C-alpha atoms as a PDB file:
ATOM      1  CA  GLU A   1       0.016   0.004  -0.011  1.00  0.00           C
ATOM      2  CA  THR A   2       1.431   3.381  -0.983  1.00  0.00           C
ATOM      3  CA  ALA A   3       1.299   6.544   1.092  1.00  0.00           C
ATOM      4  CA  VAL A   4      -1.334   7.911  -1.276  1.00  0.00           C
ATOM      5  CA  ASP A   5      -3.490   4.807  -0.782  1.00  0.00           C
ATOM      6  CA  SER A   6      -3.085   5.153   2.983  1.00  0.00           C
ATOM      7  CA  MET A   7      -4.210   8.764   2.834  1.00  0.00           C
ATOM      8  CA  ARG A   8      -7.219   7.806   0.733  1.00  0.00           C
ATOM      9  CA  SER A   9      -8.095   5.080   3.240  1.00  0.00           C
ATOM     10  CA  LEU A  10      -7.853   7.541   6.108  1.00  0.00           C
ATOM     11  CA  ARG A  11     -10.104  10.007   4.239  1.00  0.00           C
ATOM     12  CA  ASP A  12     -12.642   7.229   3.623  1.00  0.00           C
ATOM     13  CA  ILE A  13     -12.567   6.266   7.318  1.00  0.00           C
ATOM     14  CA  ASP A  14     -12.968   9.918   8.334  1.00  0.00           C
ATOM     15  CA  ALA A  15     -15.873  10.420   5.908  1.00  0.00           C
ATOM     16  CA  GLN A  16     -17.676   7.454   7.464  1.00  0.00           C
ATOM     17  CA  ASN A  17     -17.087   8.755  11.020  1.00  0.00           C
ATOM     18  CA  TYR A  18     -14.999   5.719  11.962  1.00  0.00           C
ATOM     19  CA  THR A  19     -11.877   5.855  14.031  1.00  0.00           C
ATOM     20  CA  ALA A  20      -8.637   4.400  12.727  1.00  0.00           C
ATOM     21  CA  ALA A  21      -7.349   3.798  16.255  1.00  0.00           C
ATOM     22  CA  ARG A  22      -6.871   0.246  17.496  1.00  0.00           C
ATOM     23  CA  MET A  23      -6.789  -1.071  21.041  1.00  0.00           C
ATOM     24  CA  HIS A  24      -3.542  -2.683  22.229  1.00  0.00           C
ATOM     25  CA  GLN A  25      -3.441  -4.504  25.542  1.00  0.00           C
ATOM     26  CA  ASN A  26       0.245  -4.392  26.428  1.00  0.00           C
ATOM     27  CA  VAL A  27       1.990  -1.321  25.082  1.00  0.00           C
ATOM     28  CA  THR A  28       5.052   0.378  26.494  1.00  0.00           C
ATOM     29  CA  ILE A  29       6.083   3.874  25.398  1.00  0.00           C
ATOM     30  CA  LEU A  30       9.672   4.993  25.992  1.00  0.00           C
ATOM     31  CA  PHE A  31      10.271   8.731  25.821  1.00  0.00           C
ATOM     32  CA  THR A  32      13.787   9.987  26.374  1.00  0.00           C
ATOM     33  CA  ASP A  33      14.925  13.446  27.278  1.00  0.00           C
ATOM     34  CA  ILE A  34      18.598  14.214  27.763  1.00  0.00           C
ATOM     35  CA  VAL A  35      19.201  15.812  31.166  1.00  0.00           C
ATOM     36  CA  GLY A  36      21.355  18.895  30.806  1.00  0.00           C
ATOM     37  CA  PHE A  37      21.091  18.989  27.008  1.00  0.00           C
ATOM     38  CA  THR A  38      20.297  22.712  26.803  1.00  0.00           C
ATOM     39  CA  ALA A  39      23.330  23.609  28.900  1.00  0.00           C
ATOM     40  CA  MET A  40      25.512  21.167  26.941  1.00  0.00           C
ATOM     41  CA  SER A  41      24.347  22.568  23.613  1.00  0.00           C
ATOM     42  CA  GLN A  42      25.179  26.120  24.745  1.00  0.00           C
ATOM     43  CA  SER A  43      28.701  25.158  25.826  1.00  0.00           C
ATOM     44  CA  CYS A  44      29.603  22.954  22.828  1.00  0.00           C
ATOM     45  CA  SER A  45      30.016  23.726  19.156  1.00  0.00           C
ATOM     46  CA  PRO A  46      27.084  22.914  16.871  1.00  0.00           C
ATOM     47  CA  TYR A  47      29.166  20.138  15.351  1.00  0.00           C
ATOM     48  CA  GLU A  48      29.758  18.535  18.740  1.00  0.00           C
ATOM     49  CA  VAL A  49      26.063  18.711  19.593  1.00  0.00           C
ATOM     50  CA  MET A  50      25.028  17.165  16.305  1.00  0.00           C
ATOM     51  CA  GLN A  51      27.718  14.491  16.544  1.00  0.00           C
ATOM     52  CA  PHE A  52      26.555  13.603  20.078  1.00  0.00           C
ATOM     53  CA  LEU A  53      22.926  13.287  18.935  1.00  0.00           C
ATOM     54  CA  HIS A  54      23.925  11.321  15.851  1.00  0.00           C
ATOM     55  CA  VAL A  55      25.948   8.753  17.868  1.00  0.00           C
ATOM     56  CA  LEU A  56      23.263   8.465  20.549  1.00  0.00           C
ATOM     57  CA  PHE A  57      20.299   8.092  18.224  1.00  0.00           C
ATOM     58  CA  SER A  58      22.157   5.845  15.828  1.00  0.00           C
ATOM     59  CA  GLU A  59      22.755   3.465  18.741  1.00  0.00           C
ATOM     60  CA  PHE A  60      19.061   3.705  19.697  1.00  0.00           C
ATOM     61  CA  ASP A  61      18.091   2.945  16.091  1.00  0.00           C
ATOM     62  CA  ARG A  62      20.473  -0.031  16.074  1.00  0.00           C
ATOM     63  CA  LEU A  63      18.898  -1.431  19.229  1.00  0.00           C
ATOM     64  CA  VAL A  64      15.366  -0.882  17.872  1.00  0.00           C
ATOM     65  CA  ASP A  65      16.320  -2.690  14.659  1.00  0.00           C
ATOM     66  CA  LEU A  66      17.406  -5.735  16.709  1.00  0.00           C
ATOM     67  CA  ASP A  67      13.896  -6.320  18.041  1.00  0.00           C
ATOM     68  CA  SER A  68      10.904  -6.501  15.707  1.00  0.00           C
ATOM     69  CA  ARG A  69       8.607  -5.734  18.667  1.00  0.00           C
ATOM     70  CA  LEU A  70      10.022  -2.227  18.979  1.00  0.00           C
ATOM     71  CA  TRP A  71       8.807   0.607  16.783  1.00  0.00           C
ATOM     72  CA  LYS A  72      10.529   3.988  16.565  1.00  0.00           C
ATOM     73  CA  VAL A  73       7.845   6.650  16.790  1.00  0.00           C
ATOM     74  CA  GLU A  74       9.790   9.903  16.552  1.00  0.00           C
ATOM     75  CA  THR A  75      13.079  11.721  17.076  1.00  0.00           C
ATOM     76  CA  ILE A  76      12.744  15.444  17.739  1.00  0.00           C
ATOM     77  CA  GLY A  77      15.732  17.448  18.895  1.00  0.00           C
ATOM     78  CA  ASP A  78      17.139  15.628  21.907  1.00  0.00           C
ATOM     79  CA  ALA A  79      14.010  13.484  22.396  1.00  0.00           C
ATOM     80  CA  PHE A  80      13.539   9.909  21.188  1.00  0.00           C
ATOM     81  CA  MET A  81      10.239   8.049  21.393  1.00  0.00           C
ATOM     82  CA  LEU A  82       9.531   4.407  20.760  1.00  0.00           C
ATOM     83  CA  ALA A  83       6.730   1.953  21.365  1.00  0.00           C
ATOM     84  CA  ALA A  84       6.709  -1.741  22.173  1.00  0.00           C
ATOM     85  CA  GLY A  85       3.808  -4.165  22.238  1.00  0.00           C
ATOM     86  CA  LEU A  86       1.967  -2.857  19.199  1.00  0.00           C
ATOM     87  CA  ASP A  87       2.101  -6.158  17.373  1.00  0.00           C
ATOM     88  CA  ASP A  88      -0.693  -8.650  17.716  1.00  0.00           C
ATOM     89  CA  ASP A  89       1.671 -11.601  18.177  1.00  0.00           C
ATOM     90  CA  ASP A  90       1.618 -12.593  21.854  1.00  0.00           C
ATOM     91  CA  ASP A  91       3.476 -15.894  21.357  1.00  0.00           C
ATOM     92  CA  ASP A  92       6.601 -14.601  23.067  1.00  0.00           C
ATOM     93  CA  ASP A  93       6.358 -14.058  26.819  1.00  0.00           C
ATOM     94  CA  ASP A  94       9.553 -11.943  26.903  1.00  0.00           C
ATOM     95  CA  ASP A  95       8.500  -8.355  27.519  1.00  0.00           C
ATOM     96  CA  GLY A  96      11.671  -6.837  26.032  1.00  0.00           C
ATOM     97  CA  GLU A  97      13.221  -5.901  29.360  1.00  0.00           C
ATOM     98  CA  ASP A  98      16.746  -6.723  28.107  1.00  0.00           C
ATOM     99  CA  GLU A  99      16.348  -4.386  25.131  1.00  0.00           C
ATOM    100  CA  LYS A 100      14.949  -1.597  27.292  1.00  0.00           C
ATOM    101  CA  LYS A 101      17.838  -1.912  29.752  1.00  0.00           C
ATOM    102  CA  ALA A 102      20.387  -1.958  26.928  1.00  0.00           C
ATOM    103  CA  MET A 103      18.897   1.198  25.477  1.00  0.00           C
ATOM    104  CA  ILE A 104      18.936   2.997  28.832  1.00  0.00           C
ATOM    105  CA  ASP A 105      22.520   1.855  29.552  1.00  0.00           C
ATOM    106  CA  SER A 106      23.642   3.047  26.132  1.00  0.00           C
ATOM    107  CA  ALA A 107      22.054   6.462  26.752  1.00  0.00           C
ATOM    108  CA  ARG A 108      23.752   6.747  30.117  1.00  0.00           C
ATOM    109  CA  ARG A 109      27.161   5.842  28.682  1.00  0.00           C
ATOM    110  CA  ASP A 110      26.786   8.438  25.924  1.00  0.00           C
ATOM    111  CA  ALA A 111      25.663  11.097  28.371  1.00  0.00           C
ATOM    112  CA  GLU A 112      28.679  10.365  30.592  1.00  0.00           C
ATOM    113  CA  LYS A 113      31.013  10.673  27.581  1.00  0.00           C
ATOM    114  CA  ALA A 114      29.503  14.060  26.700  1.00  0.00           C
ATOM    115  CA  SER A 115      29.897  15.541  30.183  1.00  0.00           C
END
């Protein structure tokens, strides 16, 4: 399905007063915010700030790519948002704790390097 088809589908749903939202029983949302980012960005060169964000979010992306149950929602400035549990496949009882911990540990290491 192309983006145009998706938009047409959404218009059709809207015209019929249906909602496109779906219920998910076990969803986790991870929203990151870098503590001290504003101060860091004011004391570093723009290149250093962008390099820091690139390394950090590239690592996040790599970790998300390792687990098909994770879905990157958005990256805006120094914020990263992802969702887990949106799939309908409940065959695996692992709730992704290892991946979440790895992502948090990676963020901490990168923040320590930057300070």
